[in-house]
PDB file of N, CA and C in Angstrom:
ATOM      1  N   MET A   1     -64.931 -65.804  50.321  1.00  0.00           N
ATOM      2  CA  MET A   1     -65.284 -65.303  51.921  1.00  0.00           C
ATOM      3  C   MET A   1     -66.689 -64.692  52.114  1.00  0.00           C
ATOM      4  N   GLY A   2     -67.970 -65.116  50.889  1.00  0.00           N
ATOM      5  CA  GLY A   2     -68.744 -64.251  51.255  1.00  0.00           C
ATOM      6  C   GLY A   2     -69.750 -63.935  52.519  1.00  0.00           C
ATOM      7  N   THR A   3     -70.550 -62.739  52.515  1.00  0.00           N
ATOM      8  CA  THR A   3     -71.760 -62.531  53.201  1.00  0.00           C
ATOM      9  C   THR A   3     -72.504 -62.658  53.336  1.00  0.00           C
ATOM     10  N   SER A   4     -73.604 -63.478  53.744  1.00  0.00           N
ATOM     11  CA  SER A   4     -75.218 -62.418  53.313  1.00  0.00           C
ATOM     12  C   SER A   4     -75.897 -62.208  54.237  1.00  0.00           C
ATOM     13  N   LEU A   5     -75.902 -60.844  53.751  1.00  0.00           N
ATOM     14  CA  LEU A   5     -77.831 -60.174  54.671  1.00  0.00           C
ATOM     15  C   LEU A   5     -78.915 -60.931  54.507  1.00  0.00           C
ATOM     16  N   THR A   6     -78.993 -60.947  55.885  1.00  0.00           N
ATOM     17  CA  THR A   6     -80.048 -61.574  56.792  1.00  0.00           C
ATOM     18  C   THR A   6     -81.319 -60.774  56.991  1.00  0.00           C
ATOM     19  N   PRO A   7     -82.810 -61.465  56.878  1.00  0.00           N
ATOM     20  CA  PRO A   7     -83.312 -59.812  56.885  1.00  0.00           C
ATOM     21  C   PRO A   7     -83.746 -59.540  58.721  1.00  0.00           C
ATOM     22  N   GLU A   8     -82.758 -60.145  59.259  1.00  0.00           N
ATOM     23  CA  GLU A   8     -82.078 -59.514  60.866  1.00  0.00           C
ATOM     24  C   GLU A   8     -81.028 -58.386  60.752  1.00  0.00           C
ATOM     25  N   PHE A   9     -80.719 -58.573  59.837  1.00  0.00           N
ATOM     26  CA  PHE A   9     -79.871 -57.423  59.856  1.00  0.00           C
ATOM     27  C   PHE A   9     -81.023 -56.298  58.705  1.00  0.00           C
ATOM     28  N   TYR A  10     -81.722 -56.548  58.598  1.00  0.00           N
ATOM     29  CA  TYR A  10     -82.221 -55.649  57.239  1.00  0.00           C
ATOM     30  C   TYR A  10     -82.645 -54.507  58.992  1.00  0.00           C
ATOM     31  N   GLU A  11     -84.230 -55.052  59.910  1.00  0.00           N
ATOM     32  CA  GLU A  11     -84.289 -54.989  60.783  1.00  0.00           C
ATOM     33  C   GLU A  11     -83.610 -54.763  62.067  1.00  0.00           C
ATOM     34  N   ARG A  12     -82.130 -54.738  61.988  1.00  0.00           N
ATOM     35  CA  ARG A  12     -81.843 -54.376  63.398  1.00  0.00           C
ATOM     36  C   ARG A  12     -80.881 -52.691  63.024  1.00  0.00           C
ATOM     37  N   PHE A  13     -80.502 -52.312  61.216  1.00  0.00           N
ATOM     38  CA  PHE A  13     -80.005 -51.665  61.198  1.00  0.00           C
ATOM     39  C   PHE A  13     -81.116 -50.399  60.752  1.00  0.00           C
ATOM     40  N   ALA A  14     -82.538 -50.840  60.298  1.00  0.00           N
ATOM     41  CA  ALA A  14     -83.697 -50.099  60.223  1.00  0.00           C
ATOM     42  C   ALA A  14     -83.378 -49.613  61.654  1.00  0.00           C
ATOM     43  N   LEU A  15     -83.699 -49.759  62.464  1.00  0.00           N
ATOM     44  CA  LEU A  15     -83.899 -49.772  64.417  1.00  0.00           C
ATOM     45  C   LEU A  15     -82.616 -48.780  64.421  1.00  0.00           C
ATOM     46  N   LEU A  16     -81.685 -49.926  64.495  1.00  0.00           N
ATOM     47  CA  LEU A  16     -80.333 -48.261  64.429  1.00  0.00           C
ATOM     48  C   LEU A  16     -79.779 -47.056  63.146  1.00  0.00           C
ATOM     49  N   LEU A  17     -81.092 -47.203  62.934  1.00  0.00           N
ATOM     50  CA  LEU A  17     -81.203 -45.585  61.527  1.00  0.00           C
ATOM     51  C   LEU A  17     -81.827 -44.927  62.285  1.00  0.00           C
ATOM     52  N   PHE A  18     -83.287 -45.260  62.882  1.00  0.00           N
ATOM     53  CA  PHE A  18     -84.410 -44.288  63.229  1.00  0.00           C
ATOM     54  C   PHE A  18     -84.091 -44.105  64.738  1.00  0.00           C
ATOM     55  N   ALA A  19     -82.855 -45.262  65.366  1.00  0.00           N
ATOM     56  CA  ALA A  19     -82.797 -44.025  66.257  1.00  0.00           C
ATOM     57  C   ALA A  19     -82.024 -43.547  66.660  1.00  0.00           C
ATOM     58  N   ALA A  20     -80.956 -42.729  65.488  1.00  0.00           N
ATOM     59  CA  ALA A  20     -79.832 -41.936  65.411  1.00  0.00           C
ATOM     60  C   ALA A  20     -80.145 -41.073  64.890  1.00  0.00           C
ATOM     61  N   MET A  21     -81.513 -41.136  63.782  1.00  0.00           N
ATOM     62  CA  MET A  21     -82.263 -40.045  63.590  1.00  0.00           C
ATOM     63  C   MET A  21     -82.589 -38.951  64.222  1.00  0.00           C
ATOM     64  N   GLY A  22     -83.464 -39.365  64.922  1.00  0.00           N
ATOM     65  CA  GLY A  22     -84.236 -39.358  65.764  1.00  0.00           C
ATOM     66  C   GLY A  22     -83.605 -38.730  67.402  1.00  0.00           C
ATOM     67  N   VAL A  23     -82.239 -39.411  67.880  1.00  0.00           N
ATOM     68  CA  VAL A  23     -81.349 -38.528  68.720  1.00  0.00           C
ATOM     69  C   VAL A  23     -80.023 -38.046  67.893  1.00  0.00           C
ATOM     70  N   THR A  24     -80.211 -37.160  66.908  1.00  0.00           N
ATOM     71  CA  THR A  24     -80.154 -36.147  65.829  1.00  0.00           C
ATOM     72  C   THR A  24     -81.191 -35.285  65.763  1.00  0.00           C
ATOM     73  N   PHE A  25     -82.227 -35.543  65.815  1.00  0.00           N
ATOM     74  CA  PHE A  25     -83.153 -34.458  65.947  1.00  0.00           C
ATOM     75  C   PHE A  25     -83.349 -34.003  67.752  1.00  0.00           C
ATOM     76  N   VAL A  26     -83.029 -34.570  68.343  1.00  0.00           N
ATOM     77  CA  VAL A  26     -83.320 -34.482  69.703  1.00  0.00           C
ATOM     78  C   VAL A  26     -82.018 -33.198  70.005  1.00  0.00           C
ATOM     79  N   LEU A  27     -80.780 -33.705  69.666  1.00  0.00           N
ATOM     80  CA  LEU A  27     -80.521 -32.625  70.148  1.00  0.00           C
ATOM     81  C   LEU A  27     -79.951 -31.682  69.040  1.00  0.00           C
ATOM     82  N   THR A  28     -80.562 -32.003  67.777  1.00  0.00           N
ATOM     83  CA  THR A  28     -80.766 -30.071  66.663  1.00  0.00           C
ATOM     84  C   THR A  28     -81.455 -28.829  67.781  1.00  0.00           C
ATOM     85  N   LEU A  29     -82.659 -29.808  68.155  1.00  0.00           N
ATOM     86  CA  LEU A  29     -83.895 -29.122  69.364  1.00  0.00           C
ATOM     87  C   LEU A  29     -83.355 -28.878  70.163  1.00  0.00           C
ATOM     88  N   LEU A  30     -82.710 -29.577  70.954  1.00  0.00           N
ATOM     89  CA  LEU A  30     -81.254 -29.089  72.065  1.00  0.00           C
ATOM     90  C   LEU A  30     -80.832 -27.541  71.905  1.00  0.00           C
ATOM     91  N   PHE A  31     -80.486 -27.990  70.661  1.00  0.00           N
ATOM     92  CA  PHE A  31     -78.821 -26.803  70.897  1.00  0.00           C
ATOM     93  C   PHE A  31     -79.683 -25.157  70.558  1.00  0.00           C
ATOM     94  N   ASP A  32     -80.193 -25.962  69.361  1.00  0.00           N
ATOM     95  CA  ASP A  32     -80.942 -24.243  69.048  1.00  0.00           C
ATOM     96  C   ASP A  32     -81.870 -23.500  70.256  1.00  0.00           C
ATOM     97  N   ALA A  33     -82.105 -24.096  70.601  1.00  0.00           N
ATOM     98  CA  ALA A  33     -83.064 -23.610  71.326  1.00  0.00           C
ATOM     99  C   ALA A  33     -81.642 -23.225  73.470  1.00  0.00           C
ATOM    100  N   LEU A  34     -80.900 -23.874  72.909  1.00  0.00           N
ATOM    101  CA  LEU A  34     -79.465 -22.939  73.759  1.00  0.00           C
ATOM    102  C   LEU A  34     -79.507 -22.170  73.315  1.00  0.00           C
ATOM    103  N   ALA A  35     -78.633 -21.850  72.245  1.00  0.00           N
ATOM    104  CA  ALA A  35     -78.344 -20.800  71.841  1.00  0.00           C
ATOM    105  C   ALA A  35     -79.294 -19.844  71.539  1.00  0.00           C
ATOM    106  N   LEU A  36     -80.244 -19.956  71.075  1.00  0.00           N
ATOM    107  CA  LEU A  36     -81.174 -18.261  71.273  1.00  0.00           C
ATOM    108  C   LEU A  36     -80.991 -18.625  72.344  1.00  0.00           C
ATOM    109  N   ARG A  37     -81.739 -19.291  73.510  1.00  0.00           N
ATOM    110  CA  ARG A  37     -81.643 -18.991  74.871  1.00  0.00           C
ATOM    111  C   ARG A  37     -80.196 -17.541  75.551  1.00  0.00           C
ATOM    112  N   LEU A  38     -79.050 -17.876  75.009  1.00  0.00           N
ATOM    113  CA  LEU A  38     -77.380 -17.410  75.089  1.00  0.00           C
ATOM    114  C   LEU A  38     -77.840 -16.055  74.569  1.00  0.00           C
ATOM    115  N   ALA A  39     -77.594 -16.414  73.460  1.00  0.00           N
ATOM    116  CA  ALA A  39     -78.275 -15.533  72.877  1.00  0.00           C
ATOM    117  C   ALA A  39     -78.756 -13.535  73.594  1.00  0.00           C
ATOM    118  N   ARG A  40     -80.025 -14.712  73.812  1.00  0.00           N
ATOM    119  CA  ARG A  40     -81.251 -14.045  74.063  1.00  0.00           C
ATOM    120  C   ARG A  40     -80.547 -12.349  76.070  1.00  0.00           C
ATOM    121  N   ARG A  41     -79.557 -14.193  76.289  1.00  0.00           N
ATOM    122  CA  ARG A  41     -79.156 -13.175  77.182  1.00  0.00           C
ATOM    123  C   ARG A  41     -77.508 -12.526  77.263  1.00  0.00           C
ATOM    124  N   ARG A  42     -77.744 -12.689  75.816  1.00  0.00           N
ATOM    125  CA  ARG A  42     -76.092 -11.859  75.713  1.00  0.00           C
ATOM    126  C   ARG A  42     -76.838 -10.766  75.541  1.00  0.00           C
ATOM    127  N   GLY A  43     -77.642 -10.565  74.355  1.00  0.00           N
ATOM    128  CA  GLY A  43     -78.309  -9.002  74.272  1.00  0.00           C
ATOM    129  C   GLY A  43     -78.110  -9.114  73.470  1.00  0.00           C
ATOM    130  N   GLN A  44     -77.817  -9.579  71.997  1.00  0.00           N
ATOM    131  CA  GLN A  44     -78.102 -10.079  71.253  1.00  0.00           C
ATOM    132  C   GLN A  44     -78.526 -10.172  70.210  1.00  0.00           C
ATOM    133  N   THR A  45     -79.808  -9.524  69.942  1.00  0.00           N
ATOM    134  CA  THR A  45     -81.190 -10.090  68.954  1.00  0.00           C
ATOM    135  C   THR A  45     -80.397  -9.158  67.682  1.00  0.00           C
ATOM    136  N   PRO A  46     -81.213  -9.680  66.403  1.00  0.00           N
ATOM    137  CA  PRO A  46     -80.673  -9.731  65.297  1.00  0.00           C
ATOM    138  C   PRO A  46     -81.687  -8.791  65.720  1.00  0.00           C
ATOM    139  N   PRO A  47     -81.311  -6.969  64.577  1.00  0.00           N
ATOM    140  CA  PRO A  47     -81.470  -5.893  64.099  1.00  0.00           C
ATOM    141  C   PRO A  47     -83.131  -5.669  64.094  1.00  0.00           C
ATOM    142  N   ALA A  48     -84.472  -4.569  64.488  1.00  0.00           N
ATOM    143  CA  ALA A  48     -85.359  -4.632  63.935  1.00  0.00           C
ATOM    144  C   ALA A  48     -85.480  -4.543  62.614  1.00  0.00           C
ATOM    145  N   LEU A  49     -85.964  -4.575  61.865  1.00  0.00           N
ATOM    146  CA  LEU A  49     -85.793  -4.158  60.247  1.00  0.00           C
ATOM    147  C   LEU A  49     -86.993  -2.331  60.193  1.00  0.00           C
ATOM    148  N   PRO A  50     -86.323  -1.818  59.428  1.00  0.00           N
ATOM    149  CA  PRO A  50     -86.051  -0.891  59.247  1.00  0.00           C
ATOM    150  C   PRO A  50     -88.059  -0.740  59.176  1.00  0.00           C
ATOM    151  N   PRO A  51     -88.667   0.620  59.449  1.00  0.00           N
ATOM    152  CA  PRO A  51     -90.091   0.964  58.952  1.00  0.00           C
ATOM    153  C   PRO A  51     -89.861   0.952  57.101  1.00  0.00           C
ATOM    154  N   SER A  52     -91.581  -0.093  57.060  1.00  0.00           N
ATOM    155  CA  SER A  52     -91.605   0.021  55.200  1.00  0.00           C
ATOM    156  C   SER A  52     -91.803   1.091  55.064  1.00  0.00           C
ATOM    157  N   VAL A  53     -91.316   1.477  53.613  1.00  0.00           N
ATOM    158  CA  VAL A  53     -91.170   2.401  52.789  1.00  0.00           C
ATOM    159  C   VAL A  53     -91.441   2.673  51.407  1.00  0.00           C
ATOM    160  N   PRO A  54     -92.762   2.451  51.004  1.00  0.00           N
ATOM    161  CA  PRO A  54     -92.793   2.729  49.761  1.00  0.00           C
ATOM    162  C   PRO A  54     -92.278   2.554  49.217  1.00  0.00           C
ATOM    163  N   PRO A  55     -92.013   1.456  47.614  1.00  0.00           N
ATOM    164  CA  PRO A  55     -90.995   1.623  46.782  1.00  0.00           C
ATOM    165  C   PRO A  55     -91.497   3.279  45.226  1.00  0.00           C
ATOM    166  N   THR A  56     -90.068   3.665  45.955  1.00  0.00           N
ATOM    167  CA  THR A  56     -89.988   4.788  44.674  1.00  0.00           C
ATOM    168  C   THR A  56     -89.730   4.582  43.290  1.00  0.00           C
ATOM    169  N   ARG A  57     -90.520   5.340  42.476  1.00  0.00           N
ATOM    170  CA  ARG A  57     -90.757   4.998  41.206  1.00  0.00           C
ATOM    171  C   ARG A  57     -89.389   5.054  40.453  1.00  0.00           C
ATOM    172  N   MET A  58     -88.919   5.274  39.764  1.00  0.00           N
ATOM    173  CA  MET A  58     -87.507   5.076  38.464  1.00  0.00           C
ATOM    174  C   MET A  58     -88.376   6.999  38.219  1.00  0.00           C
ATOM    175  N   PRO A  59     -87.384   8.586  37.167  1.00  0.00           N
ATOM    176  CA  PRO A  59     -88.362   8.832  36.724  1.00  0.00           C
ATOM    177  C   PRO A  59     -87.895   8.406  35.639  1.00  0.00           C
ATOM    178  N   HIS A  60     -88.970   8.751  34.517  1.00  0.00           N
ATOM    179  CA  HIS A  60     -89.240   7.376  32.834  1.00  0.00           C
ATOM    180  C   HIS A  60     -87.303   8.602  32.182  1.00  0.00           C
ATOM    181  N   PRO A  61     -86.980   8.337  31.100  1.00  0.00           N
ATOM    182  CA  PRO A  61     -86.445   9.223  30.501  1.00  0.00           C
ATOM    183  C   PRO A  61     -86.624   9.889  29.265  1.00  0.00           C
ATOM    184  N   PRO A  62     -86.599  11.627  29.367  1.00  0.00           N
ATOM    185  CA  PRO A  62     -86.701  11.982  28.773  1.00  0.00           C
ATOM    186  C   PRO A  62     -87.277  11.213  26.577  1.00  0.00           C
ATOM    187  N   VAL A  63     -88.105  12.255  26.563  1.00  0.00           N
ATOM    188  CA  VAL A  63     -88.834  11.814  24.713  1.00  0.00           C
ATOM    189  C   VAL A  63     -87.690  11.988  23.684  1.00  0.00           C
ATOM    190  N   GLY A  64     -87.667  11.347  22.602  1.00  0.00           N
ATOM    191  CA  GLY A  64     -86.682  12.010  22.252  1.00  0.00           C
ATOM    192  C   GLY A  64     -85.251  12.445  22.493  1.00  0.00           C
ATOM    193  N   THR A  65     -84.541  11.969  22.999  1.00  0.00           N
ATOM    194  CA  THR A  65     -82.831  12.309  23.342  1.00  0.00           C
ATOM    195  C   THR A  65     -82.519  11.550  22.393  1.00  0.00           C
ATOM    196  N   ASP A  66     -81.630  11.496  22.012  1.00  0.00           N
ATOM    197  CA  ASP A  66     -80.364  10.961  21.344  1.00  0.00           C
ATOM    198  C   ASP A  66     -78.976  10.429  21.827  1.00  0.00           C
ATOM    199  N   HIS A  67     -79.656  10.695  23.081  1.00  0.00           N
ATOM    200  CA  HIS A  67     -78.043  10.337  23.499  1.00  0.00           C
ATOM    201  C   HIS A  67     -78.184   8.512  24.089  1.00  0.00           C
ATOM    202  N   ARG A  68     -77.350   7.243  23.176  1.00  0.00           N
ATOM    203  CA  ARG A  68     -77.587   6.049  23.522  1.00  0.00           C
ATOM    204  C   ARG A  68     -76.326   5.763  24.030  1.00  0.00           C
ATOM    205  N   THR A  69     -76.020   4.855  24.318  1.00  0.00           N
ATOM    206  CA  THR A  69     -74.196   4.140  24.229  1.00  0.00           C
ATOM    207  C   THR A  69     -73.868   3.068  22.676  1.00  0.00           C
ATOM    208  N   PRO A  70     -73.351   3.479  22.780  1.00  0.00           N
ATOM    209  CA  PRO A  70     -72.483   2.772  21.640  1.00  0.00           C
ATOM    210  C   PRO A  70     -72.366   1.700  22.588  1.00  0.00           C
ATOM    211  N   VAL A  71     -72.982   0.563  21.284  1.00  0.00           N
ATOM    212  CA  VAL A  71     -72.655  -1.809  21.340  1.00  0.00           C
ATOM    213  C   VAL A  71     -71.646  -1.591  22.405  1.00  0.00           C
ATOM    214  N   GLY A  72     -70.795  -1.338  20.742  1.00  0.00           N
ATOM    215  CA  GLY A  72     -69.936  -2.181  20.422  1.00  0.00           C
ATOM    216  C   GLY A  72     -68.808  -1.535  19.716  1.00  0.00           C
ATOM    217  N   CYS A  73     -67.435  -0.674  19.770  1.00  0.00           N
ATOM    218  CA  CYS A  73     -66.844  -0.198  19.428  1.00  0.00           C
ATOM    219  C   CYS A  73     -65.641  -0.359  18.713  1.00  0.00           C
TER     220      CYS A  73
END
């Protein structure tokens, strides 16, 4: 019992695929906006970033030190 996939099948499949993608996209936007609105109402805004502090440099090791960590003992 074999079936053949007709051009009509591919047309309907493509239509349903794009329709499902569109519905998914719209629902995602809707739920994201709703979640953001609820978070703002509850006052759950993300914490502000701390003011930028210039990075500090690590001090260079003193020249001529003989204190090295042994690799394998």
